[in-house]
Amino acid sequence: MRYRFVFLPEFTVVGPALQTSVKEGRNVREIPEFWREFHHNGCEKLLPPQTEPGKLYGLCIDADEHGNFTYMIGGEVPADCPVPEA
């Protein structure tokens, strides 16, 4: 797999989130399923209209020392965009 680091200015992302962990490879099973559900259920249509269609981010946030973290699928929106209710 080829990768690169890209440093971007601060931006705002909204979308659904999943609590997962690296323990026992949970994240390796749960994150791909999360993406499948996201696309299968049409969740991209629930993102605010200000998001750029087809441009989505997979974000790992709030990691702790025990291997738990939040994984978010989100679209970039203007900082003043109202966040939709869950």
PDB file of N, CA and C in Angstrom:
ATOM      1  N   MET A   1       0.847  -1.172   0.000  1.00  0.00           N
ATOM      2  CA  MET A   1       0.000   0.000   0.000  1.00  0.00           C
ATOM      3  C   MET A   1       0.891   1.234   0.000  1.00  0.00           C
ATOM      4  N   ARG A   2       0.559   2.167  -0.865  1.00  0.00           N
ATOM      5  CA  ARG A   2       1.300   3.418  -0.926  1.00  0.00           C
ATOM      6  C   ARG A   2       0.529   4.471  -0.149  1.00  0.00           C
ATOM      7  N   TYR A   3       1.221   5.270   0.577  1.00  0.00           N
ATOM      8  CA  TYR A   3       0.581   6.320   1.352  1.00  0.00           C
ATOM      9  C   TYR A   3       1.445   7.569   1.323  1.00  0.00           C
ATOM     10  N   ARG A   4       0.831   8.653   1.772  1.00  0.00           N
ATOM     11  CA  ARG A   4       1.558   9.912   1.893  1.00  0.00           C
ATOM     12  C   ARG A   4       0.924  10.724   2.998  1.00  0.00           C
ATOM     13  N   PHE A   5       1.695  11.587   3.581  1.00  0.00           N
ATOM     14  CA  PHE A   5       1.196  12.498   4.609  1.00  0.00           C
ATOM     15  C   PHE A   5       0.867  13.824   3.942  1.00  0.00           C
ATOM     16  N   VAL A   6      -0.301  14.344   4.261  1.00  0.00           N
ATOM     17  CA  VAL A   6      -0.733  15.631   3.734  1.00  0.00           C
ATOM     18  C   VAL A   6      -1.132  16.486   4.921  1.00  0.00           C
ATOM     19  N   PHE A   7      -0.547  17.644   5.044  1.00  0.00           N
ATOM     20  CA  PHE A   7      -0.872  18.545   6.138  1.00  0.00           C
ATOM     21  C   PHE A   7      -1.832  19.606   5.621  1.00  0.00           C
ATOM     22  N   LEU A   8      -2.996  19.682   6.252  1.00  0.00           N
ATOM     23  CA  LEU A   8      -4.043  20.600   5.832  1.00  0.00           C
ATOM     24  C   LEU A   8      -4.327  21.608   6.935  1.00  0.00           C
ATOM     25  N   PRO A   9      -4.865  22.764   6.572  1.00  0.00           N
ATOM     26  CA  PRO A   9      -5.315  23.690   7.609  1.00  0.00           C
ATOM     27  C   PRO A   9      -6.538  23.100   8.307  1.00  0.00           C
ATOM     28  N   GLU A  10      -6.851  23.634   9.455  1.00  0.00           N
ATOM     29  CA  GLU A  10      -8.006  23.172  10.229  1.00  0.00           C
ATOM     30  C   GLU A  10      -9.280  23.235   9.397  1.00  0.00           C
ATOM     31  N   PHE A  11     -10.132  22.205   9.552  1.00  0.00           N
ATOM     32  CA  PHE A  11     -11.418  22.195   8.857  1.00  0.00           C
ATOM     33  C   PHE A  11     -12.439  21.443   9.702  1.00  0.00           C
ATOM     34  N   THR A  12     -13.719  21.603   9.369  1.00  0.00           N
ATOM     35  CA  THR A  12     -14.821  21.003  10.124  1.00  0.00           C
ATOM     36  C   THR A  12     -15.405  19.847   9.328  1.00  0.00           C
ATOM     37  N   VAL A  13     -15.634  18.730  10.020  1.00  0.00           N
ATOM     38  CA  VAL A  13     -16.187  17.531   9.404  1.00  0.00           C
ATOM     39  C   VAL A  13     -17.400  17.088  10.211  1.00  0.00           C
ATOM     40  N   VAL A  14     -18.467  16.680   9.528  1.00  0.00           N
ATOM     41  CA  VAL A  14     -19.640  16.124  10.197  1.00  0.00           C
ATOM     42  C   VAL A  14     -19.952  14.763   9.586  1.00  0.00           C
ATOM     43  N   GLY A  15     -20.490  13.873  10.405  1.00  0.00           N
ATOM     44  CA  GLY A  15     -20.861  12.548   9.938  1.00  0.00           C
ATOM     45  C   GLY A  15     -21.023  11.591  11.096  1.00  0.00           C
ATOM     46  N   PRO A  16     -21.380  10.343  10.797  1.00  0.00           N
ATOM     47  CA  PRO A  16     -21.575   9.342  11.841  1.00  0.00           C
ATOM     48  C   PRO A  16     -20.246   8.849  12.400  1.00  0.00           C
ATOM     49  N   ALA A  17     -20.280   8.341  13.621  1.00  0.00           N
ATOM     50  CA  ALA A  17     -19.071   7.863  14.287  1.00  0.00           C
ATOM     51  C   ALA A  17     -19.297   6.476  14.871  1.00  0.00           C
ATOM     52  N   LEU A  18     -18.203   5.760  15.015  1.00  0.00           N
ATOM     53  CA  LEU A  18     -18.192   4.396  15.542  1.00  0.00           C
ATOM     54  C   LEU A  18     -17.148   4.310  16.633  1.00  0.00           C
ATOM     55  N   GLN A  19     -17.501   3.750  17.762  1.00  0.00           N
ATOM     56  CA  GLN A  19     -16.531   3.489  18.822  1.00  0.00           C
ATOM     57  C   GLN A  19     -15.949   2.105  18.562  1.00  0.00           C
ATOM     58  N   THR A  20     -14.613   2.006  18.496  1.00  0.00           N
ATOM     59  CA  THR A  20     -13.977   0.723  18.221  1.00  0.00           C
ATOM     60  C   THR A  20     -12.657   0.635  18.973  1.00  0.00           C
ATOM     61  N   SER A  21     -11.909  -0.417  18.706  1.00  0.00           N
ATOM     62  CA  SER A  21     -10.658  -0.658  19.418  1.00  0.00           C
ATOM     63  C   SER A  21      -9.732  -1.495  18.554  1.00  0.00           C
ATOM     64  N   VAL A  22      -8.434  -1.364  18.803  1.00  0.00           N
ATOM     65  CA  VAL A  22      -7.466  -2.220  18.124  1.00  0.00           C
ATOM     66  C   VAL A  22      -7.395  -3.594  18.779  1.00  0.00           C
ATOM     67  N   LYS A  23      -7.989  -3.735  19.949  1.00  0.00           N
ATOM     68  CA  LYS A  23      -7.967  -5.011  20.668  1.00  0.00           C
ATOM     69  C   LYS A  23      -8.624  -6.102  19.827  1.00  0.00           C
ATOM     70  N   GLU A  24      -7.922  -7.209  19.711  1.00  0.00           N
ATOM     71  CA  GLU A  24      -8.421  -8.382  18.982  1.00  0.00           C
ATOM     72  C   GLU A  24      -8.813  -8.050  17.546  1.00  0.00           C
ATOM     73  N   GLY A  25      -8.242  -6.976  16.984  1.00  0.00           N
ATOM     74  CA  GLY A  25      -8.516  -6.610  15.601  1.00  0.00           C
ATOM     75  C   GLY A  25      -9.926  -6.129  15.334  1.00  0.00           C
ATOM     76  N   ARG A  26     -10.615  -5.654  16.387  1.00  0.00           N
ATOM     77  CA  ARG A  26     -11.997  -5.179  16.190  1.00  0.00           C
ATOM     78  C   ARG A  26     -12.085  -4.142  15.090  1.00  0.00           C
ATOM     79  N   ASN A  27     -11.155  -3.177  15.100  1.00  0.00           N
ATOM     80  CA  ASN A  27     -11.207  -2.091  14.115  1.00  0.00           C
ATOM     81  C   ASN A  27     -11.089  -2.614  12.683  1.00  0.00           C
ATOM     82  N   VAL A  28     -10.315  -3.658  12.479  1.00  0.00           N
ATOM     83  CA  VAL A  28     -10.119  -4.207  11.139  1.00  0.00           C
ATOM     84  C   VAL A  28     -11.414  -4.838  10.619  1.00  0.00           C
ATOM     85  N   ARG A  29     -12.235  -5.337  11.499  1.00  0.00           N
ATOM     86  CA  ARG A  29     -13.541  -5.902  11.109  1.00  0.00           C
ATOM     87  C   ARG A  29     -14.623  -4.829  11.052  1.00  0.00           C
ATOM     88  N   GLU A  30     -14.652  -3.966  12.056  1.00  0.00           N
ATOM     89  CA  GLU A  30     -15.765  -3.024  12.196  1.00  0.00           C
ATOM     90  C   GLU A  30     -15.718  -1.847  11.224  1.00  0.00           C
ATOM     91  N   ILE A  31     -14.542  -1.326  10.929  1.00  0.00           N
ATOM     92  CA  ILE A  31     -14.463  -0.142  10.066  1.00  0.00           C
ATOM     93  C   ILE A  31     -14.912  -0.449   8.632  1.00  0.00           C
ATOM     94  N   PRO A  32     -14.458  -1.537   7.999  1.00  0.00           N
ATOM     95  CA  PRO A  32     -14.986  -1.832   6.657  1.00  0.00           C
ATOM     96  C   PRO A  32     -16.501  -2.057   6.656  1.00  0.00           C
ATOM     97  N   GLU A  33     -17.021  -2.698   7.698  1.00  0.00           N
ATOM     98  CA  GLU A  33     -18.476  -2.901   7.788  1.00  0.00           C
ATOM     99  C   GLU A  33     -19.195  -1.561   7.959  1.00  0.00           C
ATOM    100  N   PHE A  34     -18.603  -0.664   8.712  1.00  0.00           N
ATOM    101  CA  PHE A  34     -19.156   0.680   8.911  1.00  0.00           C
ATOM    102  C   PHE A  34     -19.280   1.400   7.568  1.00  0.00           C
ATOM    103  N   TRP A  35     -18.237   1.317   6.729  1.00  0.00           N
ATOM    104  CA  TRP A  35     -18.293   1.929   5.400  1.00  0.00           C
ATOM    105  C   TRP A  35     -19.360   1.264   4.541  1.00  0.00           C
ATOM    106  N   ARG A  36     -19.459  -0.060   4.575  1.00  0.00           N
ATOM    107  CA  ARG A  36     -20.487  -0.759   3.781  1.00  0.00           C
ATOM    108  C   ARG A  36     -21.881  -0.288   4.184  1.00  0.00           C
ATOM    109  N   GLU A  37     -22.127  -0.225   5.491  1.00  0.00           N
ATOM    110  CA  GLU A  37     -23.436   0.240   5.971  1.00  0.00           C
ATOM    111  C   GLU A  37     -23.683   1.686   5.557  1.00  0.00           C
ATOM    112  N   PHE A  38     -22.668   2.513   5.668  1.00  0.00           N
ATOM    113  CA  PHE A  38     -22.793   3.924   5.302  1.00  0.00           C
ATOM    114  C   PHE A  38     -23.280   4.054   3.858  1.00  0.00           C
ATOM    115  N   HIS A  39     -22.635   3.328   2.943  1.00  0.00           N
ATOM    116  CA  HIS A  39     -23.015   3.406   1.529  1.00  0.00           C
ATOM    117  C   HIS A  39     -24.332   2.689   1.253  1.00  0.00           C
ATOM    118  N   HIS A  40     -24.528   1.533   1.855  1.00  0.00           N
ATOM    119  CA  HIS A  40     -25.747   0.751   1.621  1.00  0.00           C
ATOM    120  C   HIS A  40     -26.997   1.482   2.109  1.00  0.00           C
ATOM    121  N   ASN A  41     -26.886   2.155   3.235  1.00  0.00           N
ATOM    122  CA  ASN A  41     -28.038   2.845   3.825  1.00  0.00           C
ATOM    123  C   ASN A  41     -28.229   4.259   3.291  1.00  0.00           C
ATOM    124  N   GLY A  42     -27.401   4.690   2.359  1.00  0.00           N
ATOM    125  CA  GLY A  42     -27.547   6.027   1.781  1.00  0.00           C
ATOM    126  C   GLY A  42     -27.217   7.148   2.754  1.00  0.00           C
ATOM    127  N   CYS A  43     -26.346   6.879   3.711  1.00  0.00           N
ATOM    128  CA  CYS A  43     -26.042   7.881   4.740  1.00  0.00           C
ATOM    129  C   CYS A  43     -25.393   9.138   4.177  1.00  0.00           C
ATOM    130  N   GLU A  44     -24.725   9.034   3.039  1.00  0.00           N
ATOM    131  CA  GLU A  44     -24.096  10.225   2.458  1.00  0.00           C
ATOM    132  C   GLU A  44     -25.146  11.292   2.156  1.00  0.00           C
ATOM    133  N   LYS A  45     -26.364  10.863   1.831  1.00  0.00           N
ATOM    134  CA  LYS A  45     -27.444  11.804   1.541  1.00  0.00           C
ATOM    135  C   LYS A  45     -27.903  12.547   2.796  1.00  0.00           C
ATOM    136  N   LEU A  46     -27.557  12.026   3.980  1.00  0.00           N
ATOM    137  CA  LEU A  46     -27.953  12.665   5.231  1.00  0.00           C
ATOM    138  C   LEU A  46     -26.975  13.753   5.662  1.00  0.00           C
ATOM    139  N   LEU A  47     -25.818  13.814   5.010  1.00  0.00           N
ATOM    140  CA  LEU A  47     -24.850  14.860   5.349  1.00  0.00           C
ATOM    141  C   LEU A  47     -25.384  16.208   4.887  1.00  0.00           C
ATOM    142  N   PRO A  48     -24.969  17.299   5.519  1.00  0.00           N
ATOM    143  CA  PRO A  48     -25.453  18.620   5.118  1.00  0.00           C
ATOM    144  C   PRO A  48     -25.192  18.879   3.638  1.00  0.00           C
ATOM    145  N   PRO A  49     -26.046  19.664   3.000  1.00  0.00           N
ATOM    146  CA  PRO A  49     -25.880  19.929   1.571  1.00  0.00           C
ATOM    147  C   PRO A  49     -24.583  20.676   1.228  1.00  0.00           C
ATOM    148  N   GLN A  50     -23.947  21.270   2.224  1.00  0.00           N
ATOM    149  CA  GLN A  50     -22.708  22.008   1.974  1.00  0.00           C
ATOM    150  C   GLN A  50     -21.513  21.082   1.762  1.00  0.00           C
ATOM    151  N   THR A  51     -21.666  19.779   2.037  1.00  0.00           N
ATOM    152  CA  THR A  51     -20.547  18.863   1.833  1.00  0.00           C
ATOM    153  C   THR A  51     -20.370  18.593   0.348  1.00  0.00           C
ATOM    154  N   GLU A  52     -19.124  18.401  -0.049  1.00  0.00           N
ATOM    155  CA  GLU A  52     -18.831  18.123  -1.450  1.00  0.00           C
ATOM    156  C   GLU A  52     -19.168  16.660  -1.742  1.00  0.00           C
ATOM    157  N   PRO A  53     -20.077  16.394  -2.672  1.00  0.00           N
ATOM    158  CA  PRO A  53     -20.476  15.010  -2.966  1.00  0.00           C
ATOM    159  C   PRO A  53     -19.278  14.137  -3.334  1.00  0.00           C
ATOM    160  N   GLY A  54     -19.242  12.951  -2.748  1.00  0.00           N
ATOM    161  CA  GLY A  54     -18.189  11.995  -3.053  1.00  0.00           C
ATOM    162  C   GLY A  54     -16.867  12.246  -2.358  1.00  0.00           C
ATOM    163  N   LYS A  55     -16.732  13.364  -1.658  1.00  0.00           N
ATOM    164  CA  LYS A  55     -15.483  13.656  -0.953  1.00  0.00           C
ATOM    165  C   LYS A  55     -15.704  13.389   0.531  1.00  0.00           C
ATOM    166  N   LEU A  56     -15.263  12.225   0.964  1.00  0.00           N
ATOM    167  CA  LEU A  56     -15.463  11.805   2.346  1.00  0.00           C
ATOM    168  C   LEU A  56     -14.127  11.536   3.019  1.00  0.00           C
ATOM    169  N   TYR A  57     -14.114  11.676   4.321  1.00  0.00           N
ATOM    170  CA  TYR A  57     -12.924  11.402   5.119  1.00  0.00           C
ATOM    171  C   TYR A  57     -13.217  10.262   6.079  1.00  0.00           C
ATOM    172  N   GLY A  58     -12.218   9.430   6.321  1.00  0.00           N
ATOM    173  CA  GLY A  58     -12.254   8.453   7.401  1.00  0.00           C
ATOM    174  C   GLY A  58     -11.285   8.945   8.456  1.00  0.00           C
ATOM    175  N   LEU A  59     -11.798   9.271   9.634  1.00  0.00           N
ATOM    176  CA  LEU A  59     -10.982   9.901  10.676  1.00  0.00           C
ATOM    177  C   LEU A  59     -10.887   9.029  11.915  1.00  0.00           C
ATOM    178  N   CYS A  60      -9.689   8.876  12.435  1.00  0.00           N
ATOM    179  CA  CYS A  60      -9.471   8.211  13.723  1.00  0.00           C
ATOM    180  C   CYS A  60      -9.231   9.317  14.742  1.00  0.00           C
ATOM    181  N   ILE A  61     -10.102   9.403  15.737  1.00  0.00           N
ATOM    182  CA  ILE A  61     -10.008  10.476  16.732  1.00  0.00           C
ATOM    183  C   ILE A  61     -10.201   9.911  18.134  1.00  0.00           C
ATOM    184  N   ASP A  62      -9.869  10.694  19.118  1.00  0.00           N
ATOM    185  CA  ASP A  62     -10.088  10.367  20.528  1.00  0.00           C
ATOM    186  C   ASP A  62      -9.459   9.046  20.951  1.00  0.00           C
ATOM    187  N   ALA A  63      -8.273   8.719  20.438  1.00  0.00           N
ATOM    188  CA  ALA A  63      -7.604   7.476  20.831  1.00  0.00           C
ATOM    189  C   ALA A  63      -7.138   7.565  22.282  1.00  0.00           C
ATOM    190  N   ASP A  64      -7.230   6.440  22.980  1.00  0.00           N
ATOM    191  CA  ASP A  64      -6.724   6.407  24.349  1.00  0.00           C
ATOM    192  C   ASP A  64      -5.595   5.387  24.468  1.00  0.00           C
ATOM    193  N   GLU A  65      -5.008   5.310  25.645  1.00  0.00           N
ATOM    194  CA  GLU A  65      -3.853   4.439  25.865  1.00  0.00           C
ATOM    195  C   GLU A  65      -4.215   2.948  25.875  1.00  0.00           C
ATOM    196  N   HIS A  66      -5.503   2.622  25.845  1.00  0.00           N
ATOM    197  CA  HIS A  66      -5.945   1.223  25.859  1.00  0.00           C
ATOM    198  C   HIS A  66      -6.285   0.703  24.459  1.00  0.00           C
ATOM    199  N   GLY A  67      -6.091   1.527  23.441  1.00  0.00           N
ATOM    200  CA  GLY A  67      -6.368   1.103  22.069  1.00  0.00           C
ATOM    201  C   GLY A  67      -7.780   1.391  21.602  1.00  0.00           C
ATOM    202  N   ASN A  68      -8.567   2.091  22.414  1.00  0.00           N
ATOM    203  CA  ASN A  68      -9.929   2.479  22.030  1.00  0.00           C
ATOM    204  C   ASN A  68      -9.876   3.802  21.279  1.00  0.00           C
ATOM    205  N   PHE A  69     -10.737   3.959  20.291  1.00  0.00           N
ATOM    206  CA  PHE A  69     -10.801   5.217  19.565  1.00  0.00           C
ATOM    207  C   PHE A  69     -12.140   5.347  18.857  1.00  0.00           C
ATOM    208  N   THR A  70     -12.388   6.550  18.373  1.00  0.00           N
ATOM    209  CA  THR A  70     -13.586   6.846  17.589  1.00  0.00           C
ATOM    210  C   THR A  70     -13.177   6.910  16.129  1.00  0.00           C
ATOM    211  N   TYR A  71     -13.947   6.243  15.281  1.00  0.00           N
ATOM    212  CA  TYR A  71     -13.725   6.318  13.835  1.00  0.00           C
ATOM    213  C   TYR A  71     -14.936   7.032  13.248  1.00  0.00           C
ATOM    214  N   MET A  72     -14.682   8.031  12.436  1.00  0.00           N
ATOM    215  CA  MET A  72     -15.759   8.849  11.883  1.00  0.00           C
ATOM    216  C   MET A  72     -15.686   8.866  10.365  1.00  0.00           C
ATOM    217  N   ILE A  73     -16.839   8.740   9.720  1.00  0.00           N
ATOM    218  CA  ILE A  73     -16.952   8.954   8.278  1.00  0.00           C
ATOM    219  C   ILE A  73     -17.622  10.317   8.134  1.00  0.00           C
ATOM    220  N   GLY A  74     -16.945  11.250   7.503  1.00  0.00           N
ATOM    221  CA  GLY A  74     -17.528  12.584   7.443  1.00  0.00           C
ATOM    222  C   GLY A  74     -17.199  13.347   6.185  1.00  0.00           C
ATOM    223  N   GLY A  75     -17.972  14.378   5.993  1.00  0.00           N
ATOM    224  CA  GLY A  75     -17.771  15.306   4.897  1.00  0.00           C
ATOM    225  C   GLY A  75     -17.381  16.661   5.445  1.00  0.00           C
ATOM    226  N   GLU A  76     -16.532  17.354   4.710  1.00  0.00           N
ATOM    227  CA  GLU A  76     -16.091  18.688   5.125  1.00  0.00           C
ATOM    228  C   GLU A  76     -17.196  19.698   4.881  1.00  0.00           C
ATOM    229  N   VAL A  77     -17.412  20.570   5.862  1.00  0.00           N
ATOM    230  CA  VAL A  77     -18.415  21.629   5.768  1.00  0.00           C
ATOM    231  C   VAL A  77     -17.805  22.941   6.253  1.00  0.00           C
ATOM    232  N   PRO A  78     -18.412  24.066   5.896  1.00  0.00           N
ATOM    233  CA  PRO A  78     -17.946  25.344   6.450  1.00  0.00           C
ATOM    234  C   PRO A  78     -18.076  25.334   7.977  1.00  0.00           C
ATOM    235  N   ALA A  79     -17.199  26.033   8.657  1.00  0.00           N
ATOM    236  CA  ALA A  79     -17.185  26.045  10.117  1.00  0.00           C
ATOM    237  C   ALA A  79     -18.504  26.518  10.720  1.00  0.00           C
ATOM    238  N   ASP A  80     -19.247  27.367  10.020  1.00  0.00           N
ATOM    239  CA  ASP A  80     -20.504  27.883  10.559  1.00  0.00           C
ATOM    240  C   ASP A  80     -21.721  27.052  10.141  1.00  0.00           C
ATOM    241  N   CYS A  81     -21.494  25.903   9.534  1.00  0.00           N
ATOM    242  CA  CYS A  81     -22.596  25.047   9.075  1.00  0.00           C
ATOM    243  C   CYS A  81     -23.305  24.425  10.282  1.00  0.00           C
ATOM    244  N   PRO A  82     -24.641  24.475  10.325  1.00  0.00           N
ATOM    245  CA  PRO A  82     -25.352  23.812  11.424  1.00  0.00           C
ATOM    246  C   PRO A  82     -25.179  22.296  11.308  1.00  0.00           C
ATOM    247  N   VAL A  83     -24.937  21.657  12.434  1.00  0.00           N
ATOM    248  CA  VAL A  83     -24.758  20.204  12.463  1.00  0.00           C
ATOM    249  C   VAL A  83     -26.124  19.546  12.588  1.00  0.00           C
ATOM    250  N   PRO A  84     -26.425  18.589  11.692  1.00  0.00           N
ATOM    251  CA  PRO A  84     -27.730  17.929  11.772  1.00  0.00           C
ATOM    252  C   PRO A  84     -27.842  17.067  13.035  1.00  0.00           C
ATOM    253  N   GLU A  85     -29.073  16.893  13.497  1.00  0.00           N
ATOM    254  CA  GLU A  85     -29.321  16.043  14.655  1.00  0.00           C
ATOM    255  C   GLU A  85     -29.054  14.585  14.274  1.00  0.00           C
ATOM    256  N   ALA A  86     -28.605  13.810  15.255  1.00  0.00           N
ATOM    257  CA  ALA A  86     -28.330  12.387  15.010  1.00  0.00           C
ATOM    258  C   ALA A  86     -29.614  11.599  14.868  1.00  0.00           C
TER     259      ALA A  86
END
